């Protein structure tokens, strides 16, 4: 059952959550400097000088830990193929947690210099929605598997 379509969808959701490590969620500006909301602390790119400058922003280690946990959870759900009911419940829980994570990221984005009004959203801001879409498609695949199994058992 590892070759089922929900495995592909869960793997794509895992990749989408992994890509959040490399793309900034939001970018604010502070005195002409571009300040990204990443998981590390304190560096901004100056377009004038073309170098990175150290600044003081609140570190986002809780977001980093949450993203790691969600990525591991999506990857772990691939191997629950023998327990389809549990896999579906865990996928629904993952959707709720990713939605909460996206909300939490928006709270951190409001703390950027200039607030969220002057911020530019990066690719990383859309990746949680993409991960949720992939998990919903995986749930459709799990439901299809359940229907197929029930119909095969009726024929016995």
C-alpha atoms as a PDB file:
ATOM      1  CA  UNK A   1       0.000   0.000   0.000  1.00  0.00           C
ATOM      2  CA  UNK A   2       3.015   2.325   0.087  1.00  0.00           C
ATOM      3  CA  UNK A   3       2.606   2.815  -3.634  1.00  0.00           C
ATOM      4  CA  UNK A   4      -0.838   4.410  -3.231  1.00  0.00           C
ATOM      5  CA  UNK A   5      -1.508   7.980  -4.303  1.00  0.00           C
ATOM      6  CA  UNK A   6      -1.845   9.285  -0.733  1.00  0.00           C
ATOM      7  CA  UNK A   7       1.833   8.486  -0.233  1.00  0.00           C
ATOM      8  CA  UNK A   8       2.674  10.924  -3.006  1.00  0.00           C
ATOM      9  CA  UNK A   9       0.395  13.588  -1.520  1.00  0.00           C
ATOM     10  CA  UNK A  10       1.880  13.191   1.964  1.00  0.00           C
ATOM     11  CA  UNK A  11       5.375  13.340   0.487  1.00  0.00           C
ATOM     12  CA  UNK A  12       4.510  16.551  -1.383  1.00  0.00           C
ATOM     13  CA  UNK A  13       3.084  18.041   1.841  1.00  0.00           C
ATOM     14  CA  UNK A  14       6.329  17.125   3.605  1.00  0.00           C
ATOM     15  CA  UNK A  15       8.368  18.784   0.857  1.00  0.00           C
ATOM     16  CA  UNK A  16       6.197  21.917   1.038  1.00  0.00           C
ATOM     17  CA  UNK A  17       6.827  22.146   4.780  1.00  0.00           C
ATOM     18  CA  UNK A  18      10.549  21.522   4.238  1.00  0.00           C
ATOM     19  CA  UNK A  19      10.731  24.366   1.740  1.00  0.00           C
ATOM     20  CA  UNK A  20       9.599  26.748   4.476  1.00  0.00           C
ATOM     21  CA  UNK A  21      13.130  26.501   5.875  1.00  0.00           C
ATOM     22  CA  UNK A  22      14.584  28.048   2.726  1.00  0.00           C
ATOM     23  CA  UNK A  23      12.046  30.687   1.692  1.00  0.00           C
ATOM     24  CA  UNK A  24      11.173  33.741   3.789  1.00  0.00           C
ATOM     25  CA  UNK A  25       7.613  34.000   5.020  1.00  0.00           C
ATOM     26  CA  UNK A  26       7.445  37.792   5.086  1.00  0.00           C
ATOM     27  CA  UNK A  27       9.905  40.584   4.565  1.00  0.00           C
ATOM     28  CA  UNK A  28       9.620  43.928   6.321  1.00  0.00           C
ATOM     29  CA  UNK A  29      11.721  47.049   5.938  1.00  0.00           C
ATOM     30  CA  UNK A  30      13.695  48.867   8.620  1.00  0.00           C
ATOM     31  CA  UNK A  31      15.516  52.047   7.599  1.00  0.00           C
ATOM     32  CA  UNK A  32      15.777  50.847   4.008  1.00  0.00           C
ATOM     33  CA  UNK A  33      16.927  47.359   5.044  1.00  0.00           C
ATOM     34  CA  UNK A  34      15.077  44.235   4.033  1.00  0.00           C
ATOM     35  CA  UNK A  35      14.332  42.215   7.196  1.00  0.00           C
ATOM     36  CA  UNK A  36      13.068  38.668   6.483  1.00  0.00           C
ATOM     37  CA  UNK A  37      11.076  36.586   8.939  1.00  0.00           C
ATOM     38  CA  UNK A  38      13.127  33.431   8.865  1.00  0.00           C
ATOM     39  CA  UNK A  39      13.880  30.964  11.601  1.00  0.00           C
ATOM     40  CA  UNK A  40      17.196  32.519  12.448  1.00  0.00           C
ATOM     41  CA  UNK A  41      17.882  35.720  14.199  1.00  0.00           C
ATOM     42  CA  UNK A  42      19.136  38.971  13.174  1.00  0.00           C
ATOM     43  CA  UNK A  43      20.469  39.540   9.659  1.00  0.00           C
ATOM     44  CA  UNK A  44      19.153  41.982   7.085  1.00  0.00           C
ATOM     45  CA  UNK A  45      20.233  42.649   3.531  1.00  0.00           C
ATOM     46  CA  UNK A  46      21.099  46.212   2.583  1.00  0.00           C
ATOM     47  CA  UNK A  47      20.287  46.943  -1.046  1.00  0.00           C
ATOM     48  CA  UNK A  48      22.469  50.053  -0.939  1.00  0.00           C
ATOM     49  CA  UNK A  49      25.716  48.417   0.158  1.00  0.00           C
ATOM     50  CA  UNK A  50      24.948  44.881  -1.028  1.00  0.00           C
ATOM     51  CA  UNK A  51      25.897  43.223   2.262  1.00  0.00           C
ATOM     52  CA  UNK A  52      24.209  41.576   5.200  1.00  0.00           C
ATOM     53  CA  UNK A  53      23.994  43.609   8.390  1.00  0.00           C
ATOM     54  CA  UNK A  54      23.350  42.267  11.873  1.00  0.00           C
ATOM     55  CA  UNK A  55      20.245  43.690  13.533  1.00  0.00           C
ATOM     56  CA  UNK A  56      18.288  42.779  16.626  1.00  0.00           C
ATOM     57  CA  UNK A  57      15.052  40.917  16.022  1.00  0.00           C
ATOM     58  CA  UNK A  58      13.287  38.385  18.169  1.00  0.00           C
ATOM     59  CA  UNK A  59      14.456  34.863  17.281  1.00  0.00           C
ATOM     60  CA  UNK A  60      11.799  32.539  15.905  1.00  0.00           C
ATOM     61  CA  UNK A  61      13.005  29.253  17.375  1.00  0.00           C
ATOM     62  CA  UNK A  62       9.491  28.190  18.457  1.00  0.00           C
ATOM     63  CA  UNK A  63       8.390  28.496  14.825  1.00  0.00           C
ATOM     64  CA  UNK A  64      11.404  26.450  13.771  1.00  0.00           C
ATOM     65  CA  UNK A  65      10.590  23.684  16.262  1.00  0.00           C
ATOM     66  CA  UNK A  66       6.935  23.647  15.228  1.00  0.00           C
ATOM     67  CA  UNK A  67       7.814  23.449  11.549  1.00  0.00           C
ATOM     68  CA  UNK A  68      10.192  20.550  12.209  1.00  0.00           C
ATOM     69  CA  UNK A  69       7.495  18.725  14.185  1.00  0.00           C
ATOM     70  CA  UNK A  70       4.877  19.238  11.460  1.00  0.00           C
ATOM     71  CA  UNK A  71       7.289  18.066   8.774  1.00  0.00           C
ATOM     72  CA  UNK A  72       8.089  14.910  10.726  1.00  0.00           C
ATOM     73  CA  UNK A  73       4.375  14.310  11.381  1.00  0.00           C
ATOM     74  CA  UNK A  74       3.524  14.501   7.670  1.00  0.00           C
ATOM     75  CA  UNK A  75       6.386  12.181   6.816  1.00  0.00           C
ATOM     76  CA  UNK A  76       5.389   9.779   9.633  1.00  0.00           C
ATOM     77  CA  UNK A  77       1.851   9.621   8.271  1.00  0.00           C
ATOM     78  CA  UNK A  78       3.126   8.003   5.075  1.00  0.00           C
ATOM     79  CA  UNK A  79       3.955   4.834   7.010  1.00  0.00           C
ATOM     80  CA  UNK A  80       0.493   4.469   8.587  1.00  0.00           C
ATOM     81  CA  UNK A  81      -0.864   2.908   5.402  1.00  0.00           C
ATOM     82  CA  UNK A  82      -2.013  -0.250   7.190  1.00  0.00           C
ATOM     83  CA  UNK A  83      -4.247   1.756   9.537  1.00  0.00           C
ATOM     84  CA  UNK A  84      -6.231   3.881   7.109  1.00  0.00           C
ATOM     85  CA  UNK A  85      -8.693   5.188   9.707  1.00  0.00           C
ATOM     86  CA  UNK A  86      -5.834   6.383  11.952  1.00  0.00           C
ATOM     87  CA  UNK A  87      -4.033   7.809   8.931  1.00  0.00           C
ATOM     88  CA  UNK A  88      -7.096   9.860   8.009  1.00  0.00           C
ATOM     89  CA  UNK A  89      -7.578  11.159  11.563  1.00  0.00           C
ATOM     90  CA  UNK A  90      -3.908  12.047  11.826  1.00  0.00           C
ATOM     91  CA  UNK A  91      -4.137  13.871   8.491  1.00  0.00           C
ATOM     92  CA  UNK A  92      -7.089  15.927   9.764  1.00  0.00           C
ATOM     93  CA  UNK A  93      -5.121  16.733  12.912  1.00  0.00           C
ATOM     94  CA  UNK A  94      -2.181  17.771  10.710  1.00  0.00           C
ATOM     95  CA  UNK A  95      -4.445  20.145   8.773  1.00  0.00           C
ATOM     96  CA  UNK A  96      -5.602  21.790  11.988  1.00  0.00           C
ATOM     97  CA  UNK A  97      -2.031  22.074  13.278  1.00  0.00           C
ATOM     98  CA  UNK A  98      -0.740  23.551  10.016  1.00  0.00           C
ATOM     99  CA  UNK A  99      -3.582  26.093  10.090  1.00  0.00           C
ATOM    100  CA  UNK A 100      -2.603  27.032  13.648  1.00  0.00           C
ATOM    101  CA  UNK A 101       1.025  27.233  12.585  1.00  0.00           C
ATOM    102  CA  UNK A 102       0.144  29.617   9.740  1.00  0.00           C
ATOM    103  CA  UNK A 103      -1.792  31.796  12.196  1.00  0.00           C
ATOM    104  CA  UNK A 104       1.169  31.751  14.579  1.00  0.00           C
ATOM    105  CA  UNK A 105       3.474  32.825  11.729  1.00  0.00           C
ATOM    106  CA  UNK A 106       1.182  35.785  11.058  1.00  0.00           C
ATOM    107  CA  UNK A 107       1.482  36.826  14.711  1.00  0.00           C
ATOM    108  CA  UNK A 108       5.272  36.792  14.383  1.00  0.00           C
ATOM    109  CA  UNK A 109       4.982  38.715  11.101  1.00  0.00           C
ATOM    110  CA  UNK A 110       3.174  41.534  12.899  1.00  0.00           C
ATOM    111  CA  UNK A 111       6.280  41.960  15.076  1.00  0.00           C
ATOM    112  CA  UNK A 112       8.497  42.766  12.085  1.00  0.00           C
ATOM    113  CA  UNK A 113       9.641  46.364  11.729  1.00  0.00           C
ATOM    114  CA  UNK A 114       6.892  48.265   9.951  1.00  0.00           C
ATOM    115  CA  UNK A 115       4.270  45.673  10.855  1.00  0.00           C
ATOM    116  CA  UNK A 116       2.382  43.478   8.458  1.00  0.00           C
ATOM    117  CA  UNK A 117       1.013  46.447   6.498  1.00  0.00           C
ATOM    118  CA  UNK A 118       4.417  47.311   5.043  1.00  0.00           C
ATOM    119  CA  UNK A 119       5.524  43.717   4.622  1.00  0.00           C
ATOM    120  CA  UNK A 120       6.097  41.780   1.430  1.00  0.00           C
ATOM    121  CA  UNK A 121       4.886  38.202   1.486  1.00  0.00           C
ATOM    122  CA  UNK A 122       7.369  35.631   0.238  1.00  0.00           C
ATOM    123  CA  UNK A 123       6.912  32.163  -1.188  1.00  0.00           C
ATOM    124  CA  UNK A 124       7.090  30.700   2.310  1.00  0.00           C
ATOM    125  CA  UNK A 125       3.805  32.382   3.261  1.00  0.00           C
ATOM    126  CA  UNK A 126       1.901  30.250   0.751  1.00  0.00           C
ATOM    127  CA  UNK A 127       3.547  26.918   1.509  1.00  0.00           C
ATOM    128  CA  UNK A 128       1.330  26.021   4.525  1.00  0.00           C
ATOM    129  CA  UNK A 129      -1.763  26.412   2.319  1.00  0.00           C
ATOM    130  CA  UNK A 130      -0.119  24.206  -0.288  1.00  0.00           C
ATOM    131  CA  UNK A 131       0.679  21.573   2.361  1.00  0.00           C
ATOM    132  CA  UNK A 132      -2.954  21.647   3.527  1.00  0.00           C
ATOM    133  CA  UNK A 133      -4.116  21.148  -0.066  1.00  0.00           C
ATOM    134  CA  UNK A 134      -1.837  18.128  -0.473  1.00  0.00           C
ATOM    135  CA  UNK A 135      -3.095  16.603   2.789  1.00  0.00           C
ATOM    136  CA  UNK A 136      -6.724  17.088   1.703  1.00  0.00           C
ATOM    137  CA  UNK A 137      -5.910  15.295  -1.556  1.00  0.00           C
ATOM    138  CA  UNK A 138      -4.292  12.504   0.495  1.00  0.00           C
ATOM    139  CA  UNK A 139      -7.507  12.168   2.514  1.00  0.00           C
ATOM    140  CA  UNK A 140      -9.422  11.759  -0.758  1.00  0.00           C
ATOM    141  CA  UNK A 141      -6.967   9.004  -1.696  1.00  0.00           C
ATOM    142  CA  UNK A 142      -7.463   7.283   1.672  1.00  0.00           C
ATOM    143  CA  UNK A 143     -11.255   7.410   1.213  1.00  0.00           C
ATOM    144  CA  UNK A 144     -10.873   5.918  -2.249  1.00  0.00           C
ATOM    145  CA  UNK A 145      -8.767   3.087  -0.784  1.00  0.00           C
ATOM    146  CA  UNK A 146     -11.396   2.421   1.876  1.00  0.00           C
ATOM    147  CA  UNK A 147     -14.148   2.206  -0.735  1.00  0.00           C
ATOM    148  CA  UNK A 148     -12.020  -0.130  -2.849  1.00  0.00           C
ATOM    149  CA  UNK A 149     -11.308  -2.384   0.137  1.00  0.00           C
ATOM    150  CA  UNK A 150     -14.978  -2.526   1.128  1.00  0.00           C
ATOM    151  CA  UNK A 151     -16.040  -3.418  -2.405  1.00  0.00           C
ATOM    152  CA  UNK A 152     -13.362  -6.116  -2.647  1.00  0.00           C
ATOM    153  CA  UNK A 153     -14.508  -7.645   0.659  1.00  0.00           C
ATOM    154  CA  UNK A 154     -18.101  -7.783  -0.601  1.00  0.00           C
ATOM    155  CA  UNK A 155     -16.997  -9.872  -3.554  1.00  0.00           C
ATOM    156  CA  UNK A 156     -15.446 -12.540  -1.314  1.00  0.00           C
END
